[in-house]
Amino acid sequence: MGERKAFNIIKTVPGVGLAYGVVRGVVYAAKGDAHEAKHSVTMDLADLNPLRIPRNLALGIASVTNDFDKGAWIGKRPIGRQFIGLNLSPGIDGLHWCIHINGVIYQLVLDKNHDVKVLISSTNERSEWYERDCKEYSWYLIKKELPDFDPDVLKNYAKSFETREYQALIATGDKINCQSFVTRIFATAANISIEKARSTILLVVPNILF
């Protein structure tokens, strides 16, 4: 975990981060850790925007200095088995999102029949999913402390989205996608409005513009 935290900072340095990631990927692949190896070489093309460097560095430092088991963290990775993703602009994202809240990962996916499913994992529940996702995603702290809430109520709320229809880009009405799901779960856990949750995410999570 210590090396990964260091990588979260190193990867924000142009050139150096890419080179280190390639070597890191080879090392983890040799160890048989495919998930960490993939994380080493995945890339958001929006990171080519030099304006993002200070923000990415600040986020890397935040990931090192805060407890991952506390608060709300948004996870992002390329869709499917791809190694490259692109965050086009606020609210339009070519990456898959999930959210980690107080040690539990909530993730909206599509099953083989293209029906919406919500996966919930932690060290005590579906631990193999949890370990995989902790490694594959890049994590962004969006709120360090959350008000008290009943985790079972939040899990039931998350599962309720399985009745929704999926819409890939800019889900409207009763439709849902991974980004809008994450926003709603964050809003509920933080006890804030959907609008405030969106604003918080836009200010924290990088995109191609800033």
C-alpha atoms as a PDB file:
ATOM      1  CA  MET A   1       0.000   0.000   0.000  1.00  0.00           C
ATOM      2  CA  GLY A   2       2.888   2.359   0.753  1.00  0.00           C
ATOM      3  CA  GLU A   3       4.343   1.913  -2.733  1.00  0.00           C
ATOM      4  CA  ARG A   4       0.952   2.522  -4.318  1.00  0.00           C
ATOM      5  CA  LYS A   5       0.566   5.761  -2.385  1.00  0.00           C
ATOM      6  CA  ALA A   6       3.960   6.865  -3.661  1.00  0.00           C
ATOM      7  CA  PHE A   7       2.882   5.943  -7.191  1.00  0.00           C
ATOM      8  CA  ASN A   8      -0.191   8.160  -6.840  1.00  0.00           C
ATOM      9  CA  ILE A   9       2.172  11.122  -6.574  1.00  0.00           C
ATOM     10  CA  ILE A  10       4.859   9.971  -9.022  1.00  0.00           C
ATOM     11  CA  LYS A  11       2.333   9.337 -11.807  1.00  0.00           C
ATOM     12  CA  THR A  12       1.363  13.027 -11.811  1.00  0.00           C
ATOM     13  CA  VAL A  13       4.866  14.007 -12.975  1.00  0.00           C
ATOM     14  CA  PRO A  14       4.939  14.209 -16.803  1.00  0.00           C
ATOM     15  CA  GLY A  15       7.207  11.600 -18.370  1.00  0.00           C
ATOM     16  CA  VAL A  16       8.457  10.257 -15.067  1.00  0.00           C
ATOM     17  CA  GLY A  17       5.042   8.948 -14.066  1.00  0.00           C
ATOM     18  CA  LEU A  18       4.546   7.125 -17.363  1.00  0.00           C
ATOM     19  CA  ALA A  19       7.985   5.513 -17.274  1.00  0.00           C
ATOM     20  CA  TYR A  20       7.585   4.470 -13.646  1.00  0.00           C
ATOM     21  CA  GLY A  21       4.133   3.073 -14.403  1.00  0.00           C
ATOM     22  CA  VAL A  22       5.448   0.851 -17.194  1.00  0.00           C
ATOM     23  CA  VAL A  23       8.202  -0.578 -14.993  1.00  0.00           C
ATOM     24  CA  ARG A  24       5.753  -0.953 -12.128  1.00  0.00           C
ATOM     25  CA  GLY A  25       3.330  -2.794 -14.378  1.00  0.00           C
ATOM     26  CA  VAL A  26       6.004  -5.265 -15.456  1.00  0.00           C
ATOM     27  CA  VAL A  27       6.972  -5.929 -11.838  1.00  0.00           C
ATOM     28  CA  TYR A  28       3.400  -6.552 -10.699  1.00  0.00           C
ATOM     29  CA  ALA A  29       2.669  -8.694 -13.755  1.00  0.00           C
ATOM     30  CA  ALA A  30       5.684 -10.836 -12.874  1.00  0.00           C
ATOM     31  CA  LYS A  31       4.263 -11.205  -9.373  1.00  0.00           C
ATOM     32  CA  GLY A  32       0.953 -12.374 -10.827  1.00  0.00           C
ATOM     33  CA  ASP A  33      -0.967  -9.296  -9.666  1.00  0.00           C
ATOM     34  CA  ALA A  34      -2.858  -8.485 -12.871  1.00  0.00           C
ATOM     35  CA  HIS A  35      -5.093  -5.851 -11.273  1.00  0.00           C
ATOM     36  CA  GLU A  36      -2.235  -3.761  -9.899  1.00  0.00           C
ATOM     37  CA  ALA A  37      -0.318  -4.250 -13.149  1.00  0.00           C
ATOM     38  CA  LYS A  38      -3.256  -2.896 -15.152  1.00  0.00           C
ATOM     39  CA  HIS A  39      -3.630   0.085 -12.838  1.00  0.00           C
ATOM     40  CA  SER A  40       0.047   0.891 -13.408  1.00  0.00           C
ATOM     41  CA  VAL A  41      -0.407   1.494 -17.134  1.00  0.00           C
ATOM     42  CA  THR A  42      -3.978   2.760 -17.439  1.00  0.00           C
ATOM     43  CA  MET A  43      -4.248   6.350 -18.548  1.00  0.00           C
ATOM     44  CA  ASP A  44      -6.796   9.128 -18.759  1.00  0.00           C
ATOM     45  CA  LEU A  45      -5.982  11.032 -21.964  1.00  0.00           C
ATOM     46  CA  ALA A  46      -7.201  14.190 -20.256  1.00  0.00           C
ATOM     47  CA  ASP A  47      -4.019  14.038 -18.149  1.00  0.00           C
ATOM     48  CA  LEU A  48      -2.163  15.256 -21.240  1.00  0.00           C
ATOM     49  CA  ASN A  49      -3.625  18.678 -20.439  1.00  0.00           C
ATOM     50  CA  PRO A  50      -0.800  20.447 -18.529  1.00  0.00           C
ATOM     51  CA  LEU A  51      -3.353  22.518 -16.619  1.00  0.00           C
ATOM     52  CA  ARG A  52      -4.282  19.359 -14.728  1.00  0.00           C
ATOM     53  CA  ILE A  53      -0.813  18.747 -13.304  1.00  0.00           C
ATOM     54  CA  PRO A  54      -1.166  20.862 -10.111  1.00  0.00           C
ATOM     55  CA  ARG A  55      -4.612  19.452  -9.419  1.00  0.00           C
ATOM     56  CA  ASN A  56      -3.524  15.863 -10.007  1.00  0.00           C
ATOM     57  CA  LEU A  57      -0.555  16.388  -7.708  1.00  0.00           C
ATOM     58  CA  ALA A  58      -2.805  17.759  -4.969  1.00  0.00           C
ATOM     59  CA  LEU A  59      -5.126  14.772  -5.343  1.00  0.00           C
ATOM     60  CA  GLY A  60      -2.171  12.396  -5.202  1.00  0.00           C
ATOM     61  CA  ILE A  61      -0.994  13.960  -1.960  1.00  0.00           C
ATOM     62  CA  ALA A  62      -4.530  13.773  -0.541  1.00  0.00           C
ATOM     63  CA  SER A  63      -4.652  10.049  -1.275  1.00  0.00           C
ATOM     64  CA  VAL A  64      -1.422   9.555   0.665  1.00  0.00           C
ATOM     65  CA  THR A  65      -2.308  11.645   3.701  1.00  0.00           C
ATOM     66  CA  ASN A  66      -5.889  10.462   4.294  1.00  0.00           C
ATOM     67  CA  ASP A  67      -7.352   7.190   5.558  1.00  0.00           C
ATOM     68  CA  PHE A  68      -8.920   5.307   2.646  1.00  0.00           C
ATOM     69  CA  ASP A  69     -11.303   3.501   5.005  1.00  0.00           C
ATOM     70  CA  LYS A  70     -12.946   6.760   6.050  1.00  0.00           C
ATOM     71  CA  GLY A  71     -14.988   9.276   4.108  1.00  0.00           C
ATOM     72  CA  ALA A  72     -16.142   9.227   0.489  1.00  0.00           C
ATOM     73  CA  TRP A  73     -13.820   8.425  -2.417  1.00  0.00           C
ATOM     74  CA  ILE A  74     -14.721   8.269  -6.103  1.00  0.00           C
ATOM     75  CA  GLY A  75     -13.029   5.537  -8.119  1.00  0.00           C
ATOM     76  CA  LYS A  76     -12.440   5.853 -11.869  1.00  0.00           C
ATOM     77  CA  ARG A  77     -10.998   3.452 -14.434  1.00  0.00           C
ATOM     78  CA  PRO A  78     -11.191   2.884 -18.204  1.00  0.00           C
ATOM     79  CA  ILE A  79     -14.329   1.090 -19.351  1.00  0.00           C
ATOM     80  CA  GLY A  80     -14.161  -2.687 -19.707  1.00  0.00           C
ATOM     81  CA  ARG A  81     -10.706  -4.084 -20.359  1.00  0.00           C
ATOM     82  CA  GLN A  82      -9.372  -0.918 -21.937  1.00  0.00           C
ATOM     83  CA  PHE A  83      -6.195   0.750 -20.701  1.00  0.00           C
ATOM     84  CA  ILE A  84      -7.092   4.255 -21.885  1.00  0.00           C
ATOM     85  CA  GLY A  85     -10.041   6.443 -20.915  1.00  0.00           C
ATOM     86  CA  LEU A  86     -11.032  10.054 -21.444  1.00  0.00           C
ATOM     87  CA  ASN A  87     -12.847  12.489 -19.197  1.00  0.00           C
ATOM     88  CA  LEU A  88     -14.213  14.889 -21.804  1.00  0.00           C
ATOM     89  CA  SER A  89     -15.786  17.538 -19.605  1.00  0.00           C
ATOM     90  CA  PRO A  90     -17.709  17.889 -16.354  1.00  0.00           C
ATOM     91  CA  GLY A  91     -20.554  15.377 -16.512  1.00  0.00           C
ATOM     92  CA  ILE A  92     -19.397  13.676 -19.740  1.00  0.00           C
ATOM     93  CA  ASP A  93     -16.973  10.932 -18.891  1.00  0.00           C
ATOM     94  CA  GLY A  94     -15.523   8.036 -20.875  1.00  0.00           C
ATOM     95  CA  LEU A  95     -14.518   6.267 -17.663  1.00  0.00           C
ATOM     96  CA  HIS A  96     -16.311   3.893 -15.317  1.00  0.00           C
ATOM     97  CA  TRP A  97     -17.069   5.216 -11.827  1.00  0.00           C
ATOM     98  CA  CYS A  98     -17.753   3.676  -8.442  1.00  0.00           C
ATOM     99  CA  ILE A  99     -17.762   5.075  -4.907  1.00  0.00           C
ATOM    100  CA  HIS A 100     -16.028   3.950  -1.718  1.00  0.00           C
ATOM    101  CA  ILE A 101     -17.771   5.028   1.485  1.00  0.00           C
ATOM    102  CA  ASN A 102     -16.382   4.181   4.913  1.00  0.00           C
ATOM    103  CA  GLY A 103     -14.775   0.976   3.679  1.00  0.00           C
ATOM    104  CA  VAL A 104     -17.550  -0.174   1.330  1.00  0.00           C
ATOM    105  CA  ILE A 105     -17.509   0.005  -2.485  1.00  0.00           C
ATOM    106  CA  TYR A 106     -20.789   0.660  -4.318  1.00  0.00           C
ATOM    107  CA  GLN A 107     -20.716   0.054  -8.051  1.00  0.00           C
ATOM    108  CA  LEU A 108     -23.379   0.112 -10.770  1.00  0.00           C
ATOM    109  CA  VAL A 109     -22.795  -2.246 -13.707  1.00  0.00           C
ATOM    110  CA  LEU A 110     -24.683  -4.004 -16.486  1.00  0.00           C
ATOM    111  CA  ASP A 111     -25.052  -7.781 -16.470  1.00  0.00           C
ATOM    112  CA  LYS A 112     -24.898  -9.981 -19.575  1.00  0.00           C
ATOM    113  CA  ASN A 113     -28.554  -9.191 -20.279  1.00  0.00           C
ATOM    114  CA  HIS A 114     -27.841  -5.448 -20.037  1.00  0.00           C
ATOM    115  CA  ASP A 115     -29.853  -5.164 -16.845  1.00  0.00           C
ATOM    116  CA  VAL A 116     -28.639  -2.816 -14.122  1.00  0.00           C
ATOM    117  CA  LYS A 117     -26.910  -4.482 -11.186  1.00  0.00           C
ATOM    118  CA  VAL A 118     -25.392  -2.906  -8.087  1.00  0.00           C
ATOM    119  CA  LEU A 119     -22.302  -4.573  -6.656  1.00  0.00           C
ATOM    120  CA  ILE A 120     -21.463  -3.941  -3.008  1.00  0.00           C
ATOM    121  CA  SER A 121     -18.176  -5.118  -1.549  1.00  0.00           C
ATOM    122  CA  SER A 122     -15.910  -4.649   1.449  1.00  0.00           C
ATOM    123  CA  THR A 123     -13.295  -6.594   3.369  1.00  0.00           C
ATOM    124  CA  ASN A 124     -16.182  -8.502   4.980  1.00  0.00           C
ATOM    125  CA  GLU A 125     -18.497  -8.842   1.970  1.00  0.00           C
ATOM    126  CA  ARG A 126     -17.349 -10.023  -1.456  1.00  0.00           C
ATOM    127  CA  SER A 127     -13.764  -9.394  -0.378  1.00  0.00           C
ATOM    128  CA  GLU A 128     -12.354 -10.659  -3.692  1.00  0.00           C
ATOM    129  CA  TRP A 129     -14.306  -7.957  -5.558  1.00  0.00           C
ATOM    130  CA  TYR A 130     -13.211  -5.371  -3.026  1.00  0.00           C
ATOM    131  CA  GLU A 131      -9.527  -6.224  -3.313  1.00  0.00           C
ATOM    132  CA  ARG A 132      -9.708  -6.202  -7.110  1.00  0.00           C
ATOM    133  CA  ASP A 133     -11.481  -2.847  -7.311  1.00  0.00           C
ATOM    134  CA  CYS A 134      -9.245  -1.170  -4.746  1.00  0.00           C
ATOM    135  CA  LYS A 135      -6.344  -1.977  -7.060  1.00  0.00           C
ATOM    136  CA  GLU A 136      -7.917  -1.284 -10.458  1.00  0.00           C
ATOM    137  CA  TYR A 137      -9.459   2.121  -9.751  1.00  0.00           C
ATOM    138  CA  SER A 138      -7.816   5.498  -9.319  1.00  0.00           C
ATOM    139  CA  TRP A 139      -9.315   7.025  -6.176  1.00  0.00           C
ATOM    140  CA  TYR A 140     -10.221  10.647  -5.441  1.00  0.00           C
ATOM    141  CA  LEU A 141     -11.167  11.848  -1.968  1.00  0.00           C
ATOM    142  CA  ILE A 142     -14.302  13.995  -2.187  1.00  0.00           C
ATOM    143  CA  LYS A 143     -15.289  14.237   1.477  1.00  0.00           C
ATOM    144  CA  LYS A 144     -13.081  13.386   4.429  1.00  0.00           C
ATOM    145  CA  GLU A 145     -15.812  13.045   7.042  1.00  0.00           C
ATOM    146  CA  LEU A 146     -19.427  11.960   6.666  1.00  0.00           C
ATOM    147  CA  PRO A 147     -22.353  12.288   9.073  1.00  0.00           C
ATOM    148  CA  ASP A 148     -23.534   9.171  10.865  1.00  0.00           C
ATOM    149  CA  PHE A 149     -25.833   6.972   8.795  1.00  0.00           C
ATOM    150  CA  ASP A 150     -27.139   3.413   8.817  1.00  0.00           C
ATOM    151  CA  PRO A 151     -24.997   1.449   6.312  1.00  0.00           C
ATOM    152  CA  ASP A 152     -27.808  -1.059   5.764  1.00  0.00           C
ATOM    153  CA  VAL A 153     -30.151   1.740   4.724  1.00  0.00           C
ATOM    154  CA  LEU A 154     -27.542   3.017   2.261  1.00  0.00           C
ATOM    155  CA  LYS A 155     -27.045  -0.480   0.846  1.00  0.00           C
ATOM    156  CA  ASN A 156     -30.787  -0.927   0.362  1.00  0.00           C
ATOM    157  CA  TYR A 157     -30.978   2.462  -1.329  1.00  0.00           C
ATOM    158  CA  ALA A 158     -28.122   1.503  -3.650  1.00  0.00           C
ATOM    159  CA  LYS A 159     -29.819  -1.779  -4.545  1.00  0.00           C
ATOM    160  CA  SER A 160     -33.036   0.082  -5.395  1.00  0.00           C
ATOM    161  CA  PHE A 161     -31.361   1.391  -8.557  1.00  0.00           C
ATOM    162  CA  GLU A 162     -31.463  -2.095 -10.051  1.00  0.00           C
ATOM    163  CA  THR A 163     -35.016  -1.316 -11.174  1.00  0.00           C
ATOM    164  CA  ARG A 164     -33.844   1.658 -13.251  1.00  0.00           C
ATOM    165  CA  GLU A 165     -33.173   1.777 -16.978  1.00  0.00           C
ATOM    166  CA  TYR A 166     -29.567   2.390 -18.017  1.00  0.00           C
ATOM    167  CA  GLN A 167     -28.523   5.363 -20.142  1.00  0.00           C
ATOM    168  CA  ALA A 168     -24.849   5.691 -21.034  1.00  0.00           C
ATOM    169  CA  LEU A 169     -24.443   9.458 -21.404  1.00  0.00           C
ATOM    170  CA  ILE A 170     -26.118  12.124 -19.275  1.00  0.00           C
ATOM    171  CA  ALA A 171     -28.794   9.985 -17.644  1.00  0.00           C
ATOM    172  CA  THR A 172     -32.050  11.919 -17.365  1.00  0.00           C
ATOM    173  CA  GLY A 173     -35.354  11.305 -15.623  1.00  0.00           C
ATOM    174  CA  ASP A 174     -35.481   7.881 -13.995  1.00  0.00           C
ATOM    175  CA  LYS A 175     -32.590   6.554 -16.074  1.00  0.00           C
ATOM    176  CA  ILE A 176     -29.238   5.856 -14.470  1.00  0.00           C
ATOM    177  CA  ASN A 177     -25.559   5.333 -15.247  1.00  0.00           C
ATOM    178  CA  CYS A 178     -22.465   4.863 -13.118  1.00  0.00           C
ATOM    179  CA  GLN A 179     -21.775   8.605 -12.750  1.00  0.00           C
ATOM    180  CA  SER A 180     -25.309   9.547 -11.730  1.00  0.00           C
ATOM    181  CA  PHE A 181     -25.426   6.542  -9.387  1.00  0.00           C
ATOM    182  CA  VAL A 182     -22.231   7.652  -7.665  1.00  0.00           C
ATOM    183  CA  THR A 183     -23.591  11.187  -7.325  1.00  0.00           C
ATOM    184  CA  ARG A 184     -26.789   9.972  -5.666  1.00  0.00           C
ATOM    185  CA  ILE A 185     -25.021   7.599  -3.296  1.00  0.00           C
ATOM    186  CA  PHE A 186     -22.627  10.367  -2.274  1.00  0.00           C
ATOM    187  CA  ALA A 187     -25.482  12.839  -1.755  1.00  0.00           C
ATOM    188  CA  THR A 188     -27.335  10.374   0.458  1.00  0.00           C
ATOM    189  CA  ALA A 189     -24.293   9.411   2.537  1.00  0.00           C
ATOM    190  CA  ALA A 190     -23.256  13.049   2.975  1.00  0.00           C
ATOM    191  CA  ASN A 191     -26.849  14.192   3.610  1.00  0.00           C
ATOM    192  CA  ILE A 192     -26.651  16.892   0.960  1.00  0.00           C
ATOM    193  CA  SER A 193     -28.678  17.733  -2.139  1.00  0.00           C
ATOM    194  CA  ILE A 194     -27.997  16.169  -5.534  1.00  0.00           C
ATOM    195  CA  GLU A 195     -27.006  19.613  -6.824  1.00  0.00           C
ATOM    196  CA  LYS A 196     -24.450  20.119  -4.053  1.00  0.00           C
ATOM    197  CA  ALA A 197     -23.109  16.609  -4.593  1.00  0.00           C
ATOM    198  CA  ARG A 198     -22.629  17.345  -8.302  1.00  0.00           C
ATOM    199  CA  SER A 199     -20.866  20.617  -7.525  1.00  0.00           C
ATOM    200  CA  THR A 200     -18.536  18.950  -5.037  1.00  0.00           C
ATOM    201  CA  ILE A 201     -17.625  16.222  -7.505  1.00  0.00           C
ATOM    202  CA  LEU A 202     -16.997  18.713 -10.318  1.00  0.00           C
ATOM    203  CA  LEU A 203     -14.688  20.726  -8.086  1.00  0.00           C
ATOM    204  CA  VAL A 204     -12.671  17.711  -6.954  1.00  0.00           C
ATOM    205  CA  VAL A 205     -12.590  15.108  -9.728  1.00  0.00           C
ATOM    206  CA  PRO A 206     -10.362  16.128 -12.679  1.00  0.00           C
ATOM    207  CA  ASN A 207     -11.666  16.505 -16.232  1.00  0.00           C
ATOM    208  CA  ILE A 208     -10.093  17.526 -19.536  1.00  0.00           C
ATOM    209  CA  LEU A 209     -10.789  21.211 -18.870  1.00  0.00           C
ATOM    210  CA  PHE A 210      -9.191  21.504 -15.422  1.00  0.00           C
END
